[in-house]
């Protein structure tokens, strides 16, 4: 298993993983990452932002998942687009991606925000284990209106 920064050639593979994941959860709807305008150009999108990055998980040369960090507001970043192929779930891939993303985020930001759906219990369980706290409402500036669970993690200084 290799975690590495996204490359331009990875764009179609990670976009397909994200779309397939959302379709399988009946979340191929407006207000989710499914309709994000940058979904097919994640390499370019993350390259264009300050203190932002996207990583892919590669297993035997195959892209099996990814995660991003991007600025949200002020000293808060957002954990974005953490998705895995079904066959890679439950094998520690999500943990490796989270470790990479949060280590990076903690060097530039004071806190990390994320949005998800309550029914995505594998994801919410991962966020709980990483010390994210559930919020009662989204932070100002949220783009994904279909989300119903919002989390934040403050980094110790």
N, C-alpha and C. Protein backbone atom coordinates (compact mmCIF):
# COMPACT_ATOMS: atom_id res chain seq x y z
N UNK A 1 0.84 -1.18 0.00
CA UNK A 1 0.00 0.00 0.00
C UNK A 1 0.88 1.24 0.00
N UNK A 2 0.62 2.13 -0.93
CA UNK A 2 1.40 3.36 -1.06
C UNK A 2 0.45 4.55 -1.05
N UNK A 3 0.72 5.52 -0.19
CA UNK A 3 -0.02 6.78 -0.17
C UNK A 3 0.89 7.82 -0.81
N UNK A 4 0.38 8.49 -1.84
CA UNK A 4 1.20 9.48 -2.55
C UNK A 4 0.33 10.64 -3.01
N UNK A 5 0.97 11.79 -3.30
CA UNK A 5 0.21 12.91 -3.84
C UNK A 5 -0.44 12.54 -5.17
N UNK A 6 -1.61 13.09 -5.41
CA UNK A 6 -2.31 12.85 -6.66
C UNK A 6 -1.48 13.37 -7.83
N UNK A 7 -1.57 12.67 -8.94
CA UNK A 7 -0.97 13.11 -10.21
C UNK A 7 -2.11 13.32 -11.20
N UNK A 8 -1.83 14.09 -12.23
CA UNK A 8 -2.87 14.39 -13.21
C UNK A 8 -3.47 13.11 -13.80
N UNK A 9 -2.64 12.11 -14.02
CA UNK A 9 -3.12 10.85 -14.62
C UNK A 9 -4.10 10.11 -13.71
N UNK A 10 -4.15 10.47 -12.41
CA UNK A 10 -5.05 9.82 -11.45
C UNK A 10 -6.47 10.37 -11.51
N UNK A 11 -6.66 11.53 -12.12
CA UNK A 11 -7.96 12.20 -12.11
C UNK A 11 -9.14 11.28 -12.45
N UNK A 12 -9.12 10.57 -13.58
CA UNK A 12 -10.30 9.77 -13.93
C UNK A 12 -10.55 8.61 -12.96
N UNK A 13 -9.49 8.07 -12.37
CA UNK A 13 -9.63 6.93 -11.47
C UNK A 13 -10.26 7.35 -10.14
N UNK A 14 -9.78 8.45 -9.56
CA UNK A 14 -10.34 8.87 -8.28
C UNK A 14 -11.74 9.44 -8.47
N UNK A 15 -12.00 10.11 -9.57
CA UNK A 15 -13.36 10.60 -9.84
C UNK A 15 -14.34 9.43 -9.94
N UNK A 16 -13.91 8.35 -10.57
CA UNK A 16 -14.78 7.17 -10.70
C UNK A 16 -15.03 6.53 -9.34
N UNK A 17 -14.02 6.45 -8.48
CA UNK A 17 -14.20 5.89 -7.14
C UNK A 17 -15.20 6.73 -6.35
N UNK A 18 -15.06 8.04 -6.42
CA UNK A 18 -15.97 8.93 -5.69
C UNK A 18 -17.40 8.76 -6.20
N UNK A 19 -17.56 8.77 -7.52
CA UNK A 19 -18.91 8.62 -8.08
C UNK A 19 -19.52 7.26 -7.72
N UNK A 20 -18.75 6.19 -7.87
CA UNK A 20 -19.26 4.86 -7.54
C UNK A 20 -19.65 4.75 -6.07
N UNK A 21 -18.83 5.34 -5.19
CA UNK A 21 -19.12 5.30 -3.75
C UNK A 21 -20.43 6.02 -3.45
N UNK A 22 -20.60 7.19 -4.03
CA UNK A 22 -21.81 7.97 -3.78
C UNK A 22 -23.04 7.29 -4.40
N UNK A 23 -22.88 6.71 -5.57
CA UNK A 23 -24.00 5.98 -6.20
C UNK A 23 -24.42 4.79 -5.33
N UNK A 24 -23.45 4.07 -4.79
CA UNK A 24 -23.78 2.89 -3.98
C UNK A 24 -24.48 3.26 -2.67
N UNK A 25 -24.28 4.51 -2.21
CA UNK A 25 -24.93 4.98 -0.99
C UNK A 25 -26.19 5.80 -1.30
N UNK A 26 -26.63 5.77 -2.56
CA UNK A 26 -27.78 6.57 -3.00
C UNK A 26 -27.59 8.06 -2.75
N UNK A 27 -26.33 8.52 -2.92
CA UNK A 27 -26.01 9.92 -2.70
C UNK A 27 -25.48 10.60 -3.97
N UNK A 28 -25.85 10.07 -5.12
CA UNK A 28 -25.49 10.70 -6.39
C UNK A 28 -26.48 11.83 -6.65
N UNK A 29 -26.42 12.84 -5.77
CA UNK A 29 -27.42 13.91 -5.78
C UNK A 29 -26.74 15.27 -5.66
N UNK A 30 -27.49 16.29 -5.98
CA UNK A 30 -27.05 17.67 -5.79
C UNK A 30 -26.77 17.88 -4.30
N UNK A 31 -25.73 18.66 -4.01
CA UNK A 31 -25.39 18.93 -2.62
C UNK A 31 -24.39 17.96 -2.03
N UNK A 32 -23.84 17.07 -2.88
CA UNK A 32 -22.77 16.16 -2.46
C UNK A 32 -21.58 16.36 -3.39
N UNK A 33 -20.48 15.69 -3.09
CA UNK A 33 -19.29 15.77 -3.94
C UNK A 33 -19.58 15.29 -5.36
N UNK A 34 -20.66 14.53 -5.52
CA UNK A 34 -21.01 13.98 -6.84
C UNK A 34 -21.15 15.08 -7.89
N UNK A 35 -21.62 16.24 -7.49
CA UNK A 35 -21.85 17.33 -8.45
C UNK A 35 -20.81 18.44 -8.35
N UNK A 36 -19.73 18.21 -7.60
CA UNK A 36 -18.67 19.23 -7.51
C UNK A 36 -18.09 19.49 -8.89
N UNK A 37 -17.97 20.75 -9.28
CA UNK A 37 -17.46 21.06 -10.63
C UNK A 37 -16.01 20.62 -10.84
N UNK A 38 -15.23 20.50 -9.77
CA UNK A 38 -13.81 20.13 -9.90
C UNK A 38 -13.57 18.63 -9.83
N UNK A 39 -14.62 17.82 -9.74
CA UNK A 39 -14.46 16.39 -9.49
C UNK A 39 -13.58 15.69 -10.54
N UNK A 40 -13.65 16.11 -11.77
CA UNK A 40 -12.85 15.45 -12.82
C UNK A 40 -11.45 16.04 -12.97
N UNK A 41 -11.14 17.07 -12.21
CA UNK A 41 -9.81 17.71 -12.26
C UNK A 41 -9.27 17.93 -10.85
N UNK A 42 -9.27 16.92 -10.03
CA UNK A 42 -8.83 17.09 -8.65
C UNK A 42 -7.36 17.48 -8.55
N UNK A 43 -6.52 16.94 -9.41
CA UNK A 43 -5.10 17.33 -9.39
C UNK A 43 -4.98 18.83 -9.58
N UNK A 44 -5.61 19.35 -10.61
CA UNK A 44 -5.51 20.78 -10.90
C UNK A 44 -6.15 21.62 -9.79
N UNK A 45 -7.27 21.16 -9.28
CA UNK A 45 -7.98 21.90 -8.24
C UNK A 45 -7.10 22.06 -6.99
N UNK A 46 -6.55 20.97 -6.49
CA UNK A 46 -5.75 21.06 -5.27
C UNK A 46 -4.43 21.79 -5.50
N UNK A 47 -3.89 21.71 -6.71
CA UNK A 47 -2.68 22.47 -7.04
C UNK A 47 -2.94 23.98 -7.02
N UNK A 48 -4.18 24.38 -7.30
CA UNK A 48 -4.50 25.80 -7.42
C UNK A 48 -4.76 26.48 -6.08
N UNK A 49 -4.84 25.71 -5.00
CA UNK A 49 -5.17 26.26 -3.69
C UNK A 49 -3.93 26.33 -2.79
N UNK A 50 -3.85 27.36 -1.94
CA UNK A 50 -2.74 27.40 -0.98
C UNK A 50 -2.96 26.39 0.14
N UNK A 51 -1.90 25.77 0.60
CA UNK A 51 -1.95 24.82 1.72
C UNK A 51 -3.04 23.78 1.52
N UNK A 52 -3.07 23.21 0.32
CA UNK A 52 -4.04 22.18 -0.03
C UNK A 52 -3.29 21.02 -0.68
N UNK A 53 -3.86 19.83 -0.54
CA UNK A 53 -3.25 18.65 -1.16
C UNK A 53 -4.29 17.55 -1.26
N UNK A 54 -4.05 16.65 -2.19
CA UNK A 54 -4.88 15.44 -2.31
C UNK A 54 -3.93 14.27 -2.47
N UNK A 55 -4.24 13.20 -1.76
CA UNK A 55 -3.42 11.98 -1.83
C UNK A 55 -4.27 10.83 -2.31
N UNK A 56 -3.63 9.92 -3.01
CA UNK A 56 -4.29 8.68 -3.42
C UNK A 56 -3.61 7.51 -2.74
N UNK A 57 -4.40 6.48 -2.51
CA UNK A 57 -3.89 5.21 -2.01
C UNK A 57 -3.78 4.29 -3.21
N UNK A 58 -2.63 3.69 -3.34
CA UNK A 58 -2.34 2.83 -4.49
C UNK A 58 -1.97 1.45 -3.97
N UNK A 59 -2.61 0.42 -4.50
CA UNK A 59 -2.33 -0.95 -4.10
C UNK A 59 -1.99 -1.75 -5.35
N UNK A 60 -0.77 -2.21 -5.43
CA UNK A 60 -0.29 -2.95 -6.59
C UNK A 60 -0.57 -2.18 -7.90
N UNK A 61 -0.32 -0.88 -7.87
CA UNK A 61 -0.48 -0.05 -9.06
C UNK A 61 -1.90 0.42 -9.33
N UNK A 62 -2.86 0.02 -8.51
CA UNK A 62 -4.26 0.42 -8.71
C UNK A 62 -4.65 1.47 -7.68
N UNK A 63 -5.29 2.55 -8.13
CA UNK A 63 -5.81 3.57 -7.23
C UNK A 63 -7.03 2.97 -6.52
N UNK A 64 -6.98 2.96 -5.17
CA UNK A 64 -8.06 2.34 -4.40
C UNK A 64 -8.78 3.34 -3.49
N UNK A 65 -8.30 4.59 -3.46
CA UNK A 65 -8.95 5.60 -2.63
C UNK A 65 -8.17 6.88 -2.61
N UNK A 66 -8.72 7.85 -1.88
CA UNK A 66 -8.04 9.14 -1.78
C UNK A 66 -8.66 10.01 -0.71
N UNK A 67 -7.96 11.12 -0.41
CA UNK A 67 -8.42 12.11 0.57
C UNK A 67 -7.75 13.44 0.26
N UNK A 68 -8.46 14.52 0.59
CA UNK A 68 -7.91 15.85 0.37
C UNK A 68 -8.02 16.75 1.58
N UNK A 69 -7.16 17.75 1.61
CA UNK A 69 -7.21 18.84 2.59
C UNK A 69 -7.21 20.13 1.78
N UNK A 70 -8.13 21.03 2.11
CA UNK A 70 -8.21 22.32 1.43
C UNK A 70 -8.58 23.39 2.45
N UNK A 71 -8.21 24.64 2.19
CA UNK A 71 -8.60 25.70 3.12
C UNK A 71 -10.12 25.83 3.18
N UNK A 72 -10.63 26.10 4.36
CA UNK A 72 -12.07 26.32 4.52
C UNK A 72 -12.32 27.78 4.86
N UNK A 73 -11.89 28.21 6.03
CA UNK A 73 -12.00 29.61 6.41
C UNK A 73 -10.98 29.90 7.50
N UNK A 74 -10.29 31.00 7.35
CA UNK A 74 -9.29 31.39 8.35
C UNK A 74 -8.28 30.29 8.60
N UNK A 75 -8.17 29.86 9.84
CA UNK A 75 -7.21 28.84 10.24
C UNK A 75 -7.83 27.45 10.28
N UNK A 76 -8.97 27.28 9.57
CA UNK A 76 -9.65 25.99 9.52
C UNK A 76 -9.56 25.42 8.11
N UNK A 77 -9.18 24.16 8.02
CA UNK A 77 -9.17 23.47 6.73
C UNK A 77 -10.36 22.52 6.69
N UNK A 78 -10.54 21.91 5.53
CA UNK A 78 -11.60 20.91 5.38
C UNK A 78 -11.00 19.61 4.87
N UNK A 79 -11.36 18.53 5.53
CA UNK A 79 -11.03 17.19 5.04
C UNK A 79 -12.05 16.89 3.95
N UNK A 80 -11.59 16.57 2.76
CA UNK A 80 -12.49 16.42 1.61
C UNK A 80 -12.27 15.10 0.89
N UNK A 81 -13.36 14.62 0.36
CA UNK A 81 -13.35 13.51 -0.60
C UNK A 81 -12.53 12.31 -0.15
N UNK A 82 -12.85 11.82 1.05
CA UNK A 82 -12.26 10.57 1.53
C UNK A 82 -13.15 9.43 1.06
N UNK A 83 -12.68 8.72 0.06
CA UNK A 83 -13.44 7.62 -0.53
C UNK A 83 -12.50 6.47 -0.82
N UNK A 84 -13.03 5.25 -0.68
CA UNK A 84 -12.27 4.03 -0.95
C UNK A 84 -13.10 3.07 -1.79
N UNK A 85 -12.42 2.26 -2.59
CA UNK A 85 -13.11 1.16 -3.25
C UNK A 85 -13.62 0.20 -2.18
N UNK A 86 -14.76 -0.44 -2.41
CA UNK A 86 -15.31 -1.35 -1.39
C UNK A 86 -14.33 -2.43 -0.93
N UNK A 87 -13.55 -2.99 -1.86
CA UNK A 87 -12.63 -4.06 -1.49
C UNK A 87 -11.44 -3.57 -0.66
N UNK A 88 -11.27 -2.26 -0.54
CA UNK A 88 -10.17 -1.70 0.26
C UNK A 88 -10.64 -1.23 1.63
N UNK A 89 -11.92 -1.27 1.86
CA UNK A 89 -12.46 -0.83 3.15
C UNK A 89 -12.19 -1.88 4.22
N UNK A 90 -11.94 -1.40 5.43
CA UNK A 90 -11.69 -2.31 6.55
C UNK A 90 -10.30 -2.90 6.56
N UNK A 91 -9.39 -2.37 5.77
CA UNK A 91 -8.02 -2.91 5.68
C UNK A 91 -6.96 -1.90 6.12
N UNK A 92 -7.39 -0.80 6.75
CA UNK A 92 -6.44 0.20 7.23
C UNK A 92 -6.09 1.28 6.22
N UNK A 93 -6.69 1.23 5.03
CA UNK A 93 -6.38 2.23 4.00
C UNK A 93 -6.90 3.60 4.43
N UNK A 94 -8.13 3.64 4.94
CA UNK A 94 -8.69 4.90 5.42
C UNK A 94 -7.84 5.52 6.52
N UNK A 95 -7.34 4.68 7.41
CA UNK A 95 -6.48 5.15 8.50
C UNK A 95 -5.20 5.76 7.94
N UNK A 96 -4.58 5.11 6.98
CA UNK A 96 -3.35 5.65 6.39
C UNK A 96 -3.61 6.99 5.69
N UNK A 97 -4.73 7.07 4.99
CA UNK A 97 -5.09 8.33 4.33
C UNK A 97 -5.35 9.42 5.37
N UNK A 98 -6.09 9.09 6.43
CA UNK A 98 -6.36 10.06 7.49
C UNK A 98 -5.08 10.53 8.16
N UNK A 99 -4.18 9.60 8.48
CA UNK A 99 -2.91 9.96 9.10
C UNK A 99 -2.15 10.96 8.23
N UNK A 100 -2.10 10.69 6.94
CA UNK A 100 -1.38 11.57 6.01
C UNK A 100 -2.04 12.94 5.95
N UNK A 101 -3.35 12.97 5.79
CA UNK A 101 -4.08 14.23 5.64
C UNK A 101 -4.00 15.07 6.92
N UNK A 102 -4.20 14.46 8.06
CA UNK A 102 -4.20 15.23 9.31
C UNK A 102 -2.81 15.70 9.70
N UNK A 103 -1.80 14.91 9.40
CA UNK A 103 -0.42 15.35 9.66
C UNK A 103 -0.13 16.61 8.84
N UNK A 104 -0.51 16.59 7.57
CA UNK A 104 -0.33 17.76 6.70
C UNK A 104 -1.15 18.94 7.22
N UNK A 105 -2.41 18.71 7.51
CA UNK A 105 -3.31 19.79 7.95
C UNK A 105 -2.80 20.46 9.21
N UNK A 106 -2.26 19.69 10.13
CA UNK A 106 -1.83 20.25 11.42
C UNK A 106 -0.63 21.19 11.27
N UNK A 107 0.06 21.13 10.14
CA UNK A 107 1.19 22.05 9.93
C UNK A 107 0.74 23.42 9.44
N UNK A 108 -0.46 23.54 8.92
CA UNK A 108 -0.94 24.80 8.36
C UNK A 108 -2.18 25.37 9.06
N UNK A 109 -2.91 24.54 9.76
CA UNK A 109 -4.21 24.94 10.28
C UNK A 109 -4.34 24.64 11.78
N UNK A 110 -5.30 25.33 12.41
CA UNK A 110 -5.59 25.10 13.83
C UNK A 110 -6.68 24.04 14.02
N UNK A 111 -7.50 23.86 13.01
CA UNK A 111 -8.60 22.89 13.12
C UNK A 111 -8.94 22.35 11.74
N UNK A 112 -9.60 21.19 11.75
CA UNK A 112 -10.03 20.54 10.51
C UNK A 112 -11.52 20.24 10.60
N UNK A 113 -12.26 20.65 9.59
CA UNK A 113 -13.71 20.51 9.50
C UNK A 113 -14.02 19.46 8.45
N UNK A 114 -15.15 18.78 8.59
CA UNK A 114 -15.61 17.88 7.53
C UNK A 114 -17.12 17.76 7.59
N UNK A 115 -17.67 17.36 6.46
CA UNK A 115 -19.12 17.15 6.32
C UNK A 115 -19.35 15.75 5.79
N UNK A 116 -20.40 15.10 6.30
CA UNK A 116 -20.71 13.74 5.86
C UNK A 116 -22.20 13.48 6.07
N UNK A 117 -22.56 12.25 5.91
CA UNK A 117 -23.94 11.81 6.18
C UNK A 117 -23.92 10.83 7.34
N UNK A 118 -24.91 10.93 8.21
CA UNK A 118 -24.97 10.08 9.40
C UNK A 118 -25.01 8.59 9.04
N UNK A 119 -25.67 8.25 7.93
CA UNK A 119 -25.79 6.82 7.59
C UNK A 119 -24.47 6.21 7.11
N UNK A 120 -23.47 7.01 6.86
CA UNK A 120 -22.16 6.50 6.45
C UNK A 120 -21.38 6.13 7.71
N UNK A 121 -21.82 5.07 8.35
CA UNK A 121 -21.34 4.74 9.69
C UNK A 121 -19.85 4.36 9.72
N UNK A 122 -19.33 3.77 8.67
CA UNK A 122 -17.89 3.46 8.66
C UNK A 122 -17.09 4.76 8.70
N UNK A 123 -17.53 5.76 7.95
CA UNK A 123 -16.85 7.05 7.93
C UNK A 123 -17.00 7.76 9.27
N UNK A 124 -18.21 7.82 9.80
CA UNK A 124 -18.41 8.53 11.06
C UNK A 124 -17.66 7.86 12.20
N UNK A 125 -17.56 6.55 12.16
CA UNK A 125 -16.77 5.83 13.16
C UNK A 125 -15.30 6.18 13.07
N UNK A 126 -14.79 6.32 11.86
CA UNK A 126 -13.39 6.71 11.66
C UNK A 126 -13.16 8.11 12.22
N UNK A 127 -14.08 9.03 11.95
CA UNK A 127 -13.93 10.40 12.44
C UNK A 127 -13.96 10.43 13.96
N UNK A 128 -14.84 9.64 14.55
CA UNK A 128 -14.89 9.56 16.02
C UNK A 128 -13.56 9.07 16.58
N UNK A 129 -13.00 8.03 15.98
CA UNK A 129 -11.73 7.47 16.46
C UNK A 129 -10.58 8.46 16.33
N UNK A 130 -10.68 9.38 15.39
CA UNK A 130 -9.63 10.40 15.20
C UNK A 130 -9.88 11.66 16.01
N UNK A 131 -10.86 11.65 16.89
CA UNK A 131 -11.07 12.77 17.79
C UNK A 131 -11.85 13.93 17.22
N UNK A 132 -12.58 13.71 16.14
CA UNK A 132 -13.46 14.75 15.62
C UNK A 132 -14.69 14.84 16.51
N UNK A 133 -15.17 16.06 16.71
CA UNK A 133 -16.38 16.30 17.51
C UNK A 133 -17.53 16.65 16.59
N UNK A 134 -18.69 16.06 16.86
CA UNK A 134 -19.89 16.33 16.07
C UNK A 134 -20.42 17.72 16.40
N UNK A 135 -20.73 18.49 15.36
CA UNK A 135 -21.31 19.82 15.52
C UNK A 135 -22.82 19.75 15.33
N UNK A 136 -23.53 20.73 15.83
CA UNK A 136 -24.99 20.75 15.70
C UNK A 136 -25.44 21.33 14.36
N UNK A 137 -24.55 22.03 13.66
CA UNK A 137 -24.88 22.62 12.37
C UNK A 137 -23.60 22.83 11.58
N UNK A 138 -23.70 23.04 10.28
CA UNK A 138 -22.49 23.25 9.48
C UNK A 138 -21.85 24.60 9.80
N UNK A 139 -20.56 24.69 9.57
CA UNK A 139 -19.89 25.98 9.68
C UNK A 139 -20.33 26.88 8.53
N UNK A 140 -20.31 28.16 8.77
CA UNK A 140 -20.65 29.15 7.74
C UNK A 140 -19.74 28.94 6.53
N UNK A 141 -20.34 28.89 5.35
CA UNK A 141 -19.57 28.72 4.12
C UNK A 141 -19.62 27.31 3.56
N UNK A 142 -20.39 26.45 4.17
CA UNK A 142 -20.52 25.07 3.71
C UNK A 142 -21.19 25.01 2.33
N UNK A 143 -20.66 24.15 1.45
CA UNK A 143 -21.18 24.03 0.09
C UNK A 143 -22.09 22.82 -0.12
N UNK A 144 -21.97 21.82 0.73
CA UNK A 144 -22.67 20.56 0.49
C UNK A 144 -23.96 20.48 1.30
N UNK A 145 -25.02 20.94 0.70
CA UNK A 145 -26.30 21.07 1.40
C UNK A 145 -26.95 19.73 1.74
N UNK A 146 -26.55 18.65 1.11
CA UNK A 146 -27.16 17.34 1.37
C UNK A 146 -26.53 16.63 2.58
N UNK A 147 -25.52 17.22 3.17
CA UNK A 147 -24.87 16.60 4.32
C UNK A 147 -25.69 16.86 5.59
N UNK A 148 -25.66 15.91 6.51
CA UNK A 148 -26.42 16.08 7.75
C UNK A 148 -25.59 15.81 9.00
N UNK A 149 -24.27 15.72 8.84
CA UNK A 149 -23.37 15.55 9.98
C UNK A 149 -22.11 16.37 9.71
N UNK A 150 -21.72 17.16 10.69
CA UNK A 150 -20.59 18.08 10.55
C UNK A 150 -19.67 17.87 11.74
N UNK A 151 -18.39 17.76 11.47
CA UNK A 151 -17.40 17.45 12.49
C UNK A 151 -16.26 18.46 12.45
N UNK A 152 -15.62 18.61 13.61
CA UNK A 152 -14.42 19.45 13.67
C UNK A 152 -13.42 18.80 14.61
N UNK A 153 -12.16 18.98 14.29
CA UNK A 153 -11.07 18.49 15.13
C UNK A 153 -10.10 19.65 15.30
N UNK A 154 -9.80 19.97 16.54
CA UNK A 154 -8.82 21.01 16.84
C UNK A 154 -7.46 20.36 17.05
N UNK A 155 -6.45 20.95 16.43
CA UNK A 155 -5.09 20.41 16.58
C UNK A 155 -4.45 21.03 17.81
N UNK A 156 -3.76 20.22 18.57
CA UNK A 156 -3.05 20.75 19.74
C UNK A 156 -1.82 21.51 19.26
N UNK A 157 -1.51 22.57 19.95
CA UNK A 157 -0.37 23.41 19.52
C UNK A 157 0.85 23.14 20.34
